[in-house]
Amino acid sequence: MVKPWGGDATLVEHVNFNNTKSEYTSWSLDIGRARRFAGPEGTILTVDLADIPNQRFNSYEWSAFPREMEVTIQGPILGAR
């Protein structure tokens, strides 16, 4: 299970100001970009968005960093691999 850190940061604060003290987790639609963010010691998780009932946002459509291809998902996520 993937769980957000928790906190009161808004969706905009999470996405545009990297405030991860929120109820959201960030995912990328671009595996290459995810690998660059993770770095050589990082871990990459994948999930099929069609299997996630949680509320999700195509953050890349309005993010200050659209090239990240970020999708932000609210709440815990089951089924990540």
N, C-alpha and C. Protein backbone atom coordinates (compact mmCIF):
# COMPACT_ATOMS: atom_id res chain seq x y z
N MET A 1 0.84 -1.17 0.00
CA MET A 1 0.00 0.00 0.00
C MET A 1 0.90 1.24 0.00
N VAL A 2 0.50 2.21 -0.80
CA VAL A 2 1.17 3.51 -0.84
C VAL A 2 0.30 4.48 -0.06
N LYS A 3 0.91 5.12 0.94
CA LYS A 3 0.15 6.05 1.78
C LYS A 3 0.79 7.44 1.71
N PRO A 4 -0.04 8.47 1.55
CA PRO A 4 0.49 9.83 1.61
C PRO A 4 1.02 10.12 3.02
N TRP A 5 1.90 11.11 3.14
CA TRP A 5 2.44 11.50 4.44
C TRP A 5 1.32 11.97 5.36
N GLY A 6 0.32 12.61 4.80
CA GLY A 6 -0.74 13.21 5.61
C GLY A 6 -0.36 14.65 5.96
N GLY A 7 -1.33 15.43 6.22
CA GLY A 7 -1.11 16.83 6.55
C GLY A 7 -2.18 17.68 5.90
N ASP A 8 -1.99 18.99 5.98
CA ASP A 8 -3.04 19.88 5.49
C ASP A 8 -2.66 20.67 4.23
N ALA A 9 -1.57 20.28 3.56
CA ALA A 9 -1.21 20.96 2.31
C ALA A 9 -2.31 20.72 1.27
N THR A 10 -2.62 21.75 0.52
CA THR A 10 -3.63 21.64 -0.53
C THR A 10 -3.04 20.93 -1.75
N LEU A 11 -3.89 20.60 -2.68
CA LEU A 11 -3.44 19.99 -3.93
C LEU A 11 -2.44 20.90 -4.64
N VAL A 12 -2.73 22.18 -4.73
CA VAL A 12 -1.82 23.13 -5.39
C VAL A 12 -0.49 23.20 -4.67
N GLU A 13 -0.51 23.24 -3.34
CA GLU A 13 0.75 23.27 -2.58
C GLU A 13 1.56 22.00 -2.80
N HIS A 14 0.87 20.88 -2.88
CA HIS A 14 1.55 19.60 -3.12
C HIS A 14 2.22 19.60 -4.50
N VAL A 15 1.48 19.99 -5.50
CA VAL A 15 1.97 19.92 -6.88
C VAL A 15 3.00 21.01 -7.19
N ASN A 16 2.67 22.25 -6.92
CA ASN A 16 3.52 23.37 -7.37
C ASN A 16 4.60 23.79 -6.38
N PHE A 17 4.44 23.42 -5.11
CA PHE A 17 5.40 23.86 -4.10
C PHE A 17 6.06 22.69 -3.37
N ASN A 18 5.84 21.47 -3.88
CA ASN A 18 6.48 20.27 -3.36
C ASN A 18 6.25 20.10 -1.86
N ASN A 19 5.08 20.49 -1.38
CA ASN A 19 4.74 20.29 0.03
C ASN A 19 4.04 18.94 0.13
N THR A 20 4.79 17.93 0.53
CA THR A 20 4.26 16.57 0.57
C THR A 20 3.56 16.23 1.88
N LYS A 21 3.40 17.21 2.75
CA LYS A 21 2.61 17.00 3.97
C LYS A 21 1.15 17.18 3.60
N SER A 22 0.66 16.19 2.86
CA SER A 22 -0.68 16.28 2.27
C SER A 22 -1.31 14.90 2.22
N GLU A 23 -2.50 14.85 1.71
CA GLU A 23 -3.24 13.60 1.51
C GLU A 23 -3.08 13.07 0.08
N TYR A 24 -2.01 13.51 -0.60
CA TYR A 24 -1.81 13.15 -2.01
C TYR A 24 -0.47 12.46 -2.22
N THR A 25 -0.41 11.64 -3.26
CA THR A 25 0.86 11.11 -3.76
C THR A 25 0.96 11.49 -5.23
N SER A 26 2.19 11.63 -5.70
CA SER A 26 2.43 12.05 -7.08
C SER A 26 2.94 10.87 -7.89
N TRP A 27 2.45 10.78 -9.10
CA TRP A 27 2.82 9.73 -10.04
C TRP A 27 3.10 10.38 -11.37
N SER A 28 3.88 9.75 -12.21
CA SER A 28 4.15 10.29 -13.55
C SER A 28 3.65 9.32 -14.61
N LEU A 29 3.14 9.87 -15.68
CA LEU A 29 2.74 9.05 -16.83
C LEU A 29 3.95 8.68 -17.68
N ASP A 30 5.11 9.25 -17.38
CA ASP A 30 6.34 9.06 -18.15
C ASP A 30 7.35 8.31 -17.28
N ILE A 31 7.56 7.02 -17.56
CA ILE A 31 8.45 6.19 -16.74
C ILE A 31 9.89 6.71 -16.74
N GLY A 32 10.34 7.25 -17.84
CA GLY A 32 11.69 7.81 -17.91
C GLY A 32 11.84 8.99 -16.95
N ARG A 33 10.84 9.84 -16.90
CA ARG A 33 10.87 10.98 -15.99
C ARG A 33 10.82 10.50 -14.54
N ALA A 34 10.03 9.48 -14.27
CA ALA A 34 9.96 8.91 -12.92
C ALA A 34 11.33 8.38 -12.50
N ARG A 35 12.02 7.73 -13.41
CA ARG A 35 13.36 7.21 -13.10
C ARG A 35 14.33 8.34 -12.78
N ARG A 36 14.24 9.44 -13.51
CA ARG A 36 15.13 10.57 -13.23
C ARG A 36 14.83 11.18 -11.86
N PHE A 37 13.56 11.28 -11.50
CA PHE A 37 13.20 11.80 -10.18
C PHE A 37 13.68 10.87 -9.08
N ALA A 38 13.55 9.58 -9.29
CA ALA A 38 13.94 8.60 -8.27
C ALA A 38 15.45 8.54 -8.07
N GLY A 39 16.20 8.75 -9.16
CA GLY A 39 17.65 8.65 -9.07
C GLY A 39 18.10 7.21 -8.98
N PRO A 40 19.41 6.99 -8.92
CA PRO A 40 19.95 5.63 -8.95
C PRO A 40 19.58 4.79 -7.72
N GLU A 41 19.28 5.42 -6.61
CA GLU A 41 18.94 4.69 -5.39
C GLU A 41 17.43 4.62 -5.15
N GLY A 42 16.65 5.23 -6.02
CA GLY A 42 15.21 5.32 -5.80
C GLY A 42 14.46 4.07 -6.22
N THR A 43 13.20 4.04 -5.87
CA THR A 43 12.31 2.94 -6.20
C THR A 43 11.19 3.46 -7.08
N ILE A 44 10.87 2.72 -8.11
CA ILE A 44 9.77 3.07 -9.01
C ILE A 44 8.62 2.11 -8.75
N LEU A 45 7.47 2.66 -8.49
CA LEU A 45 6.25 1.86 -8.36
C LEU A 45 5.37 2.15 -9.56
N THR A 46 4.63 1.15 -9.98
CA THR A 46 3.67 1.36 -11.06
C THR A 46 2.29 0.97 -10.57
N VAL A 47 1.31 1.55 -11.20
CA VAL A 47 -0.08 1.26 -10.86
C VAL A 47 -0.92 1.48 -12.11
N ASP A 48 -1.93 0.69 -12.28
CA ASP A 48 -2.85 0.86 -13.40
C ASP A 48 -3.93 1.86 -12.95
N LEU A 49 -3.93 3.04 -13.52
CA LEU A 49 -4.88 4.08 -13.09
C LEU A 49 -6.33 3.63 -13.21
N ALA A 50 -6.61 2.72 -14.14
CA ALA A 50 -7.98 2.24 -14.30
C ALA A 50 -8.44 1.44 -13.09
N ASP A 51 -7.48 0.92 -12.30
CA ASP A 51 -7.82 0.12 -11.13
C ASP A 51 -7.90 0.94 -9.85
N ILE A 52 -7.65 2.24 -9.93
CA ILE A 52 -7.61 3.09 -8.75
C ILE A 52 -8.94 3.84 -8.61
N PRO A 53 -9.70 3.55 -7.56
CA PRO A 53 -10.98 4.24 -7.38
C PRO A 53 -10.81 5.63 -6.77
N ASN A 54 -9.63 5.92 -6.23
CA ASN A 54 -9.38 7.20 -5.56
C ASN A 54 -9.56 8.37 -6.53
N GLN A 55 -9.83 9.52 -5.94
CA GLN A 55 -9.90 10.73 -6.76
C GLN A 55 -8.49 11.04 -7.27
N ARG A 56 -8.40 11.35 -8.55
CA ARG A 56 -7.08 11.66 -9.13
C ARG A 56 -7.21 12.89 -10.02
N PHE A 57 -6.07 13.54 -10.19
CA PHE A 57 -6.02 14.79 -10.92
C PHE A 57 -4.91 14.73 -11.95
N ASN A 58 -5.18 15.13 -13.17
CA ASN A 58 -4.14 15.26 -14.19
C ASN A 58 -3.43 16.58 -13.95
N SER A 59 -2.57 16.58 -12.97
CA SER A 59 -1.91 17.79 -12.50
C SER A 59 -1.07 18.45 -13.58
N TYR A 60 -0.56 17.66 -14.51
CA TYR A 60 0.28 18.22 -15.57
C TYR A 60 -0.47 19.24 -16.43
N GLU A 61 -1.79 19.19 -16.41
CA GLU A 61 -2.58 20.12 -17.22
C GLU A 61 -2.51 21.55 -16.67
N TRP A 62 -2.18 21.72 -15.40
CA TRP A 62 -2.13 23.06 -14.79
C TRP A 62 -0.90 23.28 -13.91
N SER A 63 -0.06 22.28 -13.82
CA SER A 63 1.14 22.37 -12.97
C SER A 63 2.13 23.40 -13.50
N ALA A 64 2.92 23.94 -12.59
CA ALA A 64 4.04 24.81 -12.99
C ALA A 64 5.13 23.99 -13.67
N PHE A 65 5.02 22.67 -13.59
CA PHE A 65 6.03 21.76 -14.16
C PHE A 65 5.34 20.71 -15.04
N PRO A 66 4.73 21.13 -16.15
CA PRO A 66 3.94 20.20 -16.97
C PRO A 66 4.75 19.04 -17.56
N ARG A 67 6.04 19.22 -17.74
CA ARG A 67 6.85 18.14 -18.32
C ARG A 67 6.97 16.93 -17.41
N GLU A 68 6.65 17.09 -16.14
CA GLU A 68 6.68 15.96 -15.21
C GLU A 68 5.59 14.93 -15.55
N MET A 69 4.56 15.36 -16.28
CA MET A 69 3.42 14.49 -16.61
C MET A 69 2.83 13.89 -15.33
N GLU A 70 2.68 14.75 -14.31
CA GLU A 70 2.23 14.31 -13.00
C GLU A 70 0.73 14.06 -12.94
N VAL A 71 0.41 12.93 -12.34
CA VAL A 71 -0.96 12.62 -11.94
C VAL A 71 -0.91 12.54 -10.42
N THR A 72 -1.78 13.26 -9.76
CA THR A 72 -1.80 13.29 -8.30
C THR A 72 -3.02 12.52 -7.82
N ILE A 73 -2.79 11.60 -6.89
CA ILE A 73 -3.85 10.73 -6.41
C ILE A 73 -4.08 10.99 -4.93
N GLN A 74 -5.34 11.10 -4.55
CA GLN A 74 -5.71 11.37 -3.16
C GLN A 74 -5.90 10.08 -2.40
N GLY A 75 -5.32 10.01 -1.21
CA GLY A 75 -5.52 8.88 -0.32
C GLY A 75 -4.60 7.71 -0.59
N PRO A 76 -4.72 6.66 0.23
CA PRO A 76 -3.88 5.47 0.07
C PRO A 76 -4.19 4.74 -1.25
N ILE A 77 -3.19 4.04 -1.74
CA ILE A 77 -3.34 3.34 -3.02
C ILE A 77 -2.98 1.87 -2.83
N LEU A 78 -3.89 1.02 -3.20
CA LEU A 78 -3.65 -0.42 -3.16
C LEU A 78 -3.29 -0.91 -4.56
N GLY A 79 -2.49 -1.91 -4.64
CA GLY A 79 -2.19 -2.54 -5.92
C GLY A 79 -0.97 -2.00 -6.64
N ALA A 80 -0.20 -1.12 -6.00
CA ALA A 80 1.03 -0.64 -6.64
C ALA A 80 2.02 -1.80 -6.70
N ARG A 81 2.80 -1.81 -7.80
CA ARG A 81 3.79 -2.88 -7.98
C ARG A 81 5.15 -2.25 -8.15
